[in-house]
Amino acid sequence: MGFDIIRLAHAEFNVTDLERARDFYVNALGFIETEADSNHIYLRAIEDGNHHCLVLTKADTPSLNHIAYRVGSEEELYKLEAFFQAQNLPMRWVEKDEERGQGRALRIQDPAGFPVEFFFEMEKAERMLQKFNQHTGAKIKRIDHANCLVTDIYCIHKWYMEELGFKCSEYTVVGSAENERLWASWLHRKPSVHDLALVNERGPRLHHIGFWVDDAKTILDACDYLAASGYALHIERSPGRHGTSNAFFVYVRDWDGHRLELYTGDYFTNDPDWEPIKWHLEDPQRATFWGTEPPQTWKKEAMLVQNILTGELVEVKEPVSKKVTK
């Protein structure tokens, strides 16, 4: 079975202080504020011709509200509804007035416990691609992917591929050749490395949302801009190149701990004979091609996720198969 899911299209973060969040996301990172009210800020990136790719929502506790995929038609939403009902997944319709700028949407708690939305319609907004005089901060072009920590990597990897039609670009295994187990996978709908990364860890937790920028120099300039704006300590993991995905990156965190990856330099994956690239967890070039280790916060800390029906935080559980390390 497959569905006409186009790409990861937006995310919503629950934040504790909207004005502080606005300073970080708009003044430092350079997101464009489409509109706001007393409880929300709707942001878009330079390439976006639609209302938003990131929503900041005022809350008492920081968490992931949801991630969202765009689908190819309204009819696709009803096909998904029937499928999710058959799977007995928690589900509800999100009406137009609940998320500004967006048409009616379907929101579920996926089998891993993540709040995931599917939508078709979104209001148009001014595309800023050639408004070069207004490109500031990190000069973010578009949303790229979500990295999610899950407790049963094999089952959720299989669900997204076999049921929703995602494809695998790369994957990581752990254990000996005789006892090899899946530890992470990079899945995509658009023809790049991933819209969704799944990692076998304590979960459900969101590790980060990745945003695309033009090139490595843009990432270095973004670090200079952040540091000069008083946000040096918000740069969590220094610029480098991943082995998985080949992408050049830097990781930053907002005041509440939400992690963003500024990301560029991956590759095309849409050829029909594409074969997924295999990595081993013990390969020192897997996470960073240059071999340097990520900081402990990057390895250990992640964001809790919200229940779509109650608004409460979803309980974090231990992985079914704990990763093996030296």
Protein backbone atom coordinates (compact mmCIF):
# COMPACT_ATOMS: atom_id res chain seq x y z
CA MET A 1 0.00 0.00 0.00
CA GLY A 2 1.13 3.56 -0.64
CA PHE A 3 -0.23 7.08 -0.43
CA ASP A 4 0.48 10.33 -2.25
CA ILE A 5 2.57 11.87 0.52
CA ILE A 6 4.73 14.62 -0.96
CA ARG A 7 7.16 15.70 1.76
CA LEU A 8 7.62 16.85 5.33
CA ALA A 9 6.06 20.31 5.22
CA HIS A 10 6.02 21.83 8.72
CA ALA A 11 6.46 21.31 12.44
CA GLU A 12 4.93 22.88 15.53
CA PHE A 13 6.97 23.48 18.68
CA ASN A 14 5.48 24.26 22.08
CA VAL A 15 7.57 27.04 23.66
CA THR A 16 7.37 28.75 27.04
CA ASP A 17 8.07 32.36 26.02
CA LEU A 18 6.89 33.63 22.62
CA GLU A 19 8.86 36.88 22.63
CA ARG A 20 12.09 35.13 23.52
CA ALA A 21 11.36 32.53 20.85
CA ARG A 22 10.64 35.27 18.29
CA ASP A 23 14.04 36.85 18.93
CA PHE A 24 15.80 33.54 18.35
CA TYR A 25 13.87 32.36 15.31
CA VAL A 26 13.18 35.65 13.53
CA ASN A 27 15.97 38.02 14.57
CA ALA A 28 18.79 35.47 14.84
CA LEU A 29 17.89 32.60 12.51
CA GLY A 30 16.09 34.80 9.98
CA PHE A 31 12.73 33.03 9.68
CA ILE A 32 9.99 35.20 8.17
CA GLU A 33 6.99 35.90 10.39
CA THR A 34 3.83 35.39 8.37
CA GLU A 35 1.44 36.25 11.21
CA ALA A 36 1.02 35.89 14.96
CA ASP A 37 -1.49 36.08 17.78
CA SER A 38 -1.19 35.94 21.55
CA ASN A 39 -0.44 32.21 21.52
CA HIS A 40 1.19 31.46 18.15
CA ILE A 41 3.85 32.65 15.75
CA TYR A 42 3.66 31.31 12.19
CA LEU A 43 6.99 31.26 10.39
CA ARG A 44 8.14 30.48 6.88
CA ALA A 45 11.52 30.18 5.18
CA ILE A 46 12.91 32.00 2.14
CA GLU A 47 11.67 29.52 -0.49
CA ASP A 48 8.23 29.05 1.01
CA GLY A 49 5.31 30.23 -1.05
CA ASN A 50 2.94 28.98 1.63
CA HIS A 51 1.84 30.24 5.02
CA HIS A 52 4.27 28.42 7.32
CA CYS A 53 6.85 25.70 7.78
CA LEU A 54 7.22 26.21 11.54
CA VAL A 55 4.70 27.15 14.22
CA LEU A 56 5.68 28.31 17.71
CA THR A 57 2.90 27.82 20.25
CA LYS A 58 2.88 29.17 23.80
CA ALA A 59 2.74 26.40 26.42
CA ASP A 60 3.72 25.74 30.02
CA THR A 61 6.10 22.94 29.03
CA PRO A 62 8.22 22.72 25.87
CA SER A 63 7.47 19.77 23.60
CA LEU A 64 6.81 18.74 20.02
CA ASN A 65 3.20 19.54 19.17
CA HIS A 66 3.32 17.72 15.80
CA ILE A 67 5.13 17.24 12.51
CA ALA A 68 3.17 17.46 9.25
CA TYR A 69 3.31 15.99 5.76
CA ARG A 70 1.65 17.47 2.71
CA VAL A 71 -0.38 15.14 0.51
CA GLY A 72 -1.33 15.42 -3.15
CA SER A 73 -5.10 15.86 -2.86
CA GLU A 74 -7.96 16.21 -0.41
CA GLU A 75 -9.13 12.72 -1.38
CA GLU A 76 -5.85 11.38 -0.06
CA LEU A 77 -6.80 12.54 3.44
CA TYR A 78 -9.92 10.35 3.39
CA LYS A 79 -7.92 7.38 2.15
CA LEU A 80 -5.53 7.90 5.05
CA GLU A 81 -8.44 8.25 7.48
CA ALA A 82 -9.82 4.87 6.44
CA PHE A 83 -6.40 3.27 6.74
CA PHE A 84 -5.69 4.72 10.19
CA GLN A 85 -9.14 3.71 11.42
CA ALA A 86 -8.45 0.15 10.31
CA GLN A 87 -5.20 0.26 12.27
CA ASN A 88 -6.98 1.59 15.40
CA LEU A 89 -4.58 4.50 15.71
CA PRO A 90 -5.50 7.59 17.78
CA MET A 91 -6.77 10.13 15.25
CA ARG A 92 -8.66 13.40 14.96
CA TRP A 93 -9.50 16.03 12.35
CA VAL A 94 -7.86 19.45 12.74
CA GLU A 95 -10.25 22.14 11.53
CA LYS A 96 -9.20 25.28 9.67
CA ASP A 97 -9.45 27.61 12.66
CA GLU A 98 -7.13 25.47 14.82
CA GLU A 99 -4.01 26.00 12.70
CA ARG A 100 -4.05 29.28 10.81
CA GLY A 101 -3.28 29.27 7.12
CA GLN A 102 -3.99 25.57 6.70
CA GLY A 103 -7.00 23.67 5.43
CA ARG A 104 -8.62 20.76 7.22
CA ALA A 105 -6.01 18.22 8.31
CA LEU A 106 -5.83 14.72 9.74
CA ARG A 107 -3.68 14.18 12.82
CA ILE A 108 -2.67 10.81 14.26
CA GLN A 109 -0.45 9.28 16.91
CA ASP A 110 1.68 6.98 14.78
CA PRO A 111 2.64 3.48 16.00
CA ALA A 112 5.80 4.91 17.56
CA GLY A 113 3.79 7.50 19.54
CA PHE A 114 4.62 10.56 17.43
CA PRO A 115 2.02 13.25 16.68
CA VAL A 116 1.86 13.32 12.89
CA GLU A 117 -0.40 15.45 10.69
CA PHE A 118 -1.41 15.16 7.03
CA PHE A 119 -2.82 18.12 5.08
CA PHE A 120 -3.45 19.23 1.51
CA GLU A 121 -4.39 22.93 1.47
CA MET A 122 -2.35 25.87 2.72
CA GLU A 123 -2.72 29.60 2.10
CA LYS A 124 -0.24 31.30 -0.18
CA ALA A 125 2.35 33.74 1.17
CA GLU A 126 4.89 35.98 -0.51
CA ARG A 127 7.86 33.97 -1.72
CA MET A 128 11.04 35.71 -0.60
CA LEU A 129 13.55 33.83 -2.74
CA GLN A 130 14.71 36.88 -4.70
CA LYS A 131 14.19 39.44 -1.94
CA PHE A 132 17.92 39.22 -1.29
CA ASN A 133 17.96 42.44 0.71
CA GLN A 134 15.74 40.74 3.30
CA HIS A 135 17.73 37.50 3.72
CA THR A 136 19.23 37.54 7.21
CA GLY A 137 20.51 35.22 9.92
CA ALA A 138 20.91 31.63 8.79
CA LYS A 139 19.14 32.31 5.46
CA ILE A 140 17.05 29.14 5.82
CA LYS A 141 15.44 28.07 2.54
CA ARG A 142 13.00 25.31 3.54
CA ILE A 143 12.20 22.54 6.00
CA ASP A 144 13.95 19.28 5.17
CA HIS A 145 13.44 16.44 7.68
CA ALA A 146 12.50 15.26 11.16
CA ASN A 147 14.74 13.01 13.25
CA CYS A 148 12.69 10.86 15.65
CA LEU A 149 13.79 8.57 18.47
CA VAL A 150 11.67 5.41 18.62
CA THR A 151 11.58 2.34 20.83
CA ASP A 152 11.04 -0.29 18.12
CA ILE A 153 13.01 0.70 15.05
CA TYR A 154 12.29 -2.44 13.05
CA CYS A 155 8.50 -2.20 13.36
CA ILE A 156 8.17 1.54 12.70
CA HIS A 157 10.70 1.42 9.84
CA LYS A 158 8.65 -1.37 8.25
CA TRP A 159 5.36 0.50 8.87
CA TYR A 160 6.45 3.70 7.14
CA MET A 161 7.89 1.80 4.18
CA GLU A 162 5.31 -0.94 3.64
CA GLU A 163 2.17 0.93 4.69
CA LEU A 164 2.83 4.58 3.79
CA GLY A 165 5.22 4.05 0.88
CA PHE A 166 8.37 5.73 2.19
CA LYS A 167 11.70 4.65 0.66
CA CYS A 168 15.00 4.02 2.46
CA SER A 169 18.15 5.88 1.41
CA GLU A 170 20.54 4.82 4.19
CA TYR A 171 20.47 2.69 7.31
CA THR A 172 22.67 1.80 10.29
CA VAL A 173 23.08 -1.61 11.85
CA VAL A 174 24.48 -2.73 15.18
CA GLY A 175 25.92 -6.04 16.37
CA SER A 176 28.08 -8.73 14.82
CA ALA A 177 27.56 -10.04 11.31
CA GLU A 178 25.85 -13.09 12.82
CA ASN A 179 23.54 -10.96 15.02
CA GLU A 180 23.06 -7.78 13.02
CA ARG A 181 20.15 -5.54 13.98
CA LEU A 182 18.68 -2.36 12.54
CA TRP A 183 19.55 0.71 14.62
CA ALA A 184 18.53 3.66 12.42
CA SER A 185 17.06 4.41 9.01
CA TRP A 186 16.70 7.42 6.73
CA LEU A 187 13.38 7.42 4.88
CA HIS A 188 12.16 9.77 2.18
CA ARG A 189 9.19 10.83 0.07
CA LYS A 190 10.85 13.71 -1.77
CA PRO A 191 13.90 12.69 -3.89
CA SER A 192 16.57 13.48 -1.29
CA VAL A 193 18.12 11.52 1.58
CA HIS A 194 15.24 11.85 4.03
CA ASP A 195 12.05 13.39 5.22
CA LEU A 196 12.12 11.18 8.29
CA ALA A 197 15.01 9.66 10.25
CA LEU A 198 14.26 6.92 12.77
CA VAL A 199 16.71 6.01 15.55
CA ASN A 200 16.35 3.19 18.07
CA GLU A 201 16.47 4.97 21.43
CA ARG A 202 14.33 5.96 24.40
CA GLY A 203 11.18 7.35 22.92
CA PRO A 204 9.04 8.70 21.53
CA ARG A 205 11.22 11.83 21.51
CA LEU A 206 12.08 14.35 18.80
CA HIS A 207 15.81 14.72 18.28
CA HIS A 208 15.67 17.56 15.75
CA ILE A 209 14.05 19.21 12.77
CA GLY A 210 16.40 19.80 9.84
CA PHE A 211 16.22 22.94 7.70
CA TRP A 212 17.91 23.34 4.32
CA VAL A 213 20.39 26.13 3.53
CA ASP A 214 22.31 26.81 0.34
CA ASP A 215 25.83 25.62 1.11
CA ALA A 216 28.56 25.07 3.72
CA LYS A 217 29.58 28.73 3.64
CA THR A 218 26.02 29.72 4.58
CA ILE A 219 26.27 27.48 7.64
CA LEU A 220 29.56 29.09 8.68
CA ASP A 221 28.07 32.56 8.16
CA ALA A 222 25.04 31.53 10.25
CA CYS A 223 27.34 30.57 13.13
CA ASP A 224 29.05 33.97 12.93
CA TYR A 225 25.66 35.71 12.88
CA LEU A 226 24.38 33.72 15.87
CA ALA A 227 27.53 34.36 17.88
CA ALA A 228 27.50 38.08 17.10
CA SER A 229 23.82 38.20 18.11
CA GLY A 230 24.55 36.78 21.55
CA TYR A 231 23.62 33.18 20.76
CA ALA A 232 27.05 31.53 20.74
CA LEU A 233 26.08 29.12 23.52
CA HIS A 234 23.06 28.01 21.49
CA ILE A 235 25.38 26.38 18.93
CA GLU A 236 25.38 22.85 20.30
CA ARG A 237 27.37 20.85 17.76
CA SER A 238 30.02 22.56 15.64
CA PRO A 239 29.83 22.50 11.84
CA GLY A 240 30.91 19.29 10.17
CA ARG A 241 29.98 16.71 7.57
CA HIS A 242 27.90 13.62 8.24
CA GLY A 243 28.91 10.25 6.87
CA THR A 244 25.25 9.28 6.67
CA SER A 245 23.59 11.62 4.14
CA ASN A 246 26.91 13.32 3.20
CA ALA A 247 25.35 16.56 4.47
CA PHE A 248 27.24 19.52 5.93
CA PHE A 249 25.61 20.60 9.20
CA VAL A 250 25.48 22.59 12.39
CA TYR A 251 23.08 21.98 15.29
CA VAL A 252 21.54 24.80 17.31
CA ARG A 253 19.03 24.86 20.17
CA ASP A 254 16.46 27.43 21.17
CA TRP A 255 15.80 28.67 24.71
CA ASP A 256 13.53 25.71 25.45
CA GLY A 257 15.89 23.06 24.11
CA HIS A 258 14.29 22.43 20.71
CA ARG A 259 17.07 21.33 18.39
CA LEU A 260 17.41 22.49 14.77
CA GLU A 261 19.88 21.22 12.22
CA LEU A 262 21.01 23.61 9.50
CA TYR A 263 21.61 21.17 6.69
CA THR A 264 22.97 21.10 3.13
CA GLY A 265 24.79 18.95 0.61
CA ASP A 266 22.92 15.64 0.48
CA TYR A 267 22.06 13.93 -2.80
CA PHE A 268 19.39 12.70 -5.26
CA THR A 269 17.68 9.40 -4.44
CA ASN A 270 14.88 9.01 -7.00
CA ASP A 271 16.46 6.63 -9.50
CA PRO A 272 14.49 3.36 -9.66
CA ASP A 273 17.60 1.25 -9.06
CA TRP A 274 18.70 3.18 -5.96
CA GLU A 275 20.14 0.86 -3.30
CA PRO A 276 20.21 1.98 0.35
CA ILE A 277 23.65 2.67 1.85
CA LYS A 278 24.57 0.57 4.86
CA TRP A 279 26.55 1.84 7.86
CA HIS A 280 27.65 0.18 11.08
CA LEU A 281 27.13 2.00 14.37
CA GLU A 282 30.80 1.51 15.29
CA ASP A 283 32.06 3.25 12.15
CA PRO A 284 33.65 6.52 13.41
CA GLN A 285 32.81 8.25 10.11
CA ARG A 286 29.11 7.46 10.29
CA ALA A 287 27.91 10.38 12.44
CA THR A 288 30.76 12.73 11.48
CA PHE A 289 32.74 11.96 8.36
CA TRP A 290 35.79 13.62 9.91
CA GLY A 291 35.60 11.21 12.86
CA THR A 292 34.92 13.67 15.69
CA GLU A 293 32.43 12.68 18.39
CA PRO A 294 29.19 14.62 18.95
CA PRO A 295 28.73 16.27 22.37
CA GLN A 296 26.95 14.31 25.09
CA THR A 297 23.92 16.62 25.01
CA TRP A 298 23.42 15.78 21.33
CA LYS A 299 23.57 12.07 22.16
CA LYS A 300 21.36 12.09 25.25
CA GLU A 301 18.87 14.99 25.12
CA ALA A 302 15.71 15.18 23.04
CA MET A 303 12.25 16.74 23.14
CA LEU A 304 9.13 15.09 24.54
CA VAL A 305 6.10 14.81 22.27
CA GLN A 306 2.43 15.67 22.77
CA ASN A 307 -0.60 13.40 22.80
CA ILE A 308 -2.91 14.54 19.99
CA LEU A 309 -6.10 13.84 21.97
CA THR A 310 -5.26 15.03 25.50
CA GLY A 311 -2.37 17.45 25.00
CA GLU A 312 -0.42 15.58 27.67
CA LEU A 313 3.16 14.49 27.15
CA VAL A 314 3.62 10.94 25.90
CA GLU A 315 5.43 8.61 28.30
CA VAL A 316 9.01 7.84 27.32
CA LYS A 317 9.96 4.15 27.27
CA GLU A 318 13.14 2.17 26.84
CA PRO A 319 13.97 0.74 23.40
CA VAL A 320 12.99 -2.83 22.64
CA SER A 321 16.53 -3.63 21.54
CA LYS A 322 19.09 -1.41 23.27
CA LYS A 323 21.98 -0.30 21.10
CA VAL A 324 25.32 -2.02 21.64
CA THR A 325 28.37 0.18 22.09
CA LYS A 326 31.97 -0.44 23.03
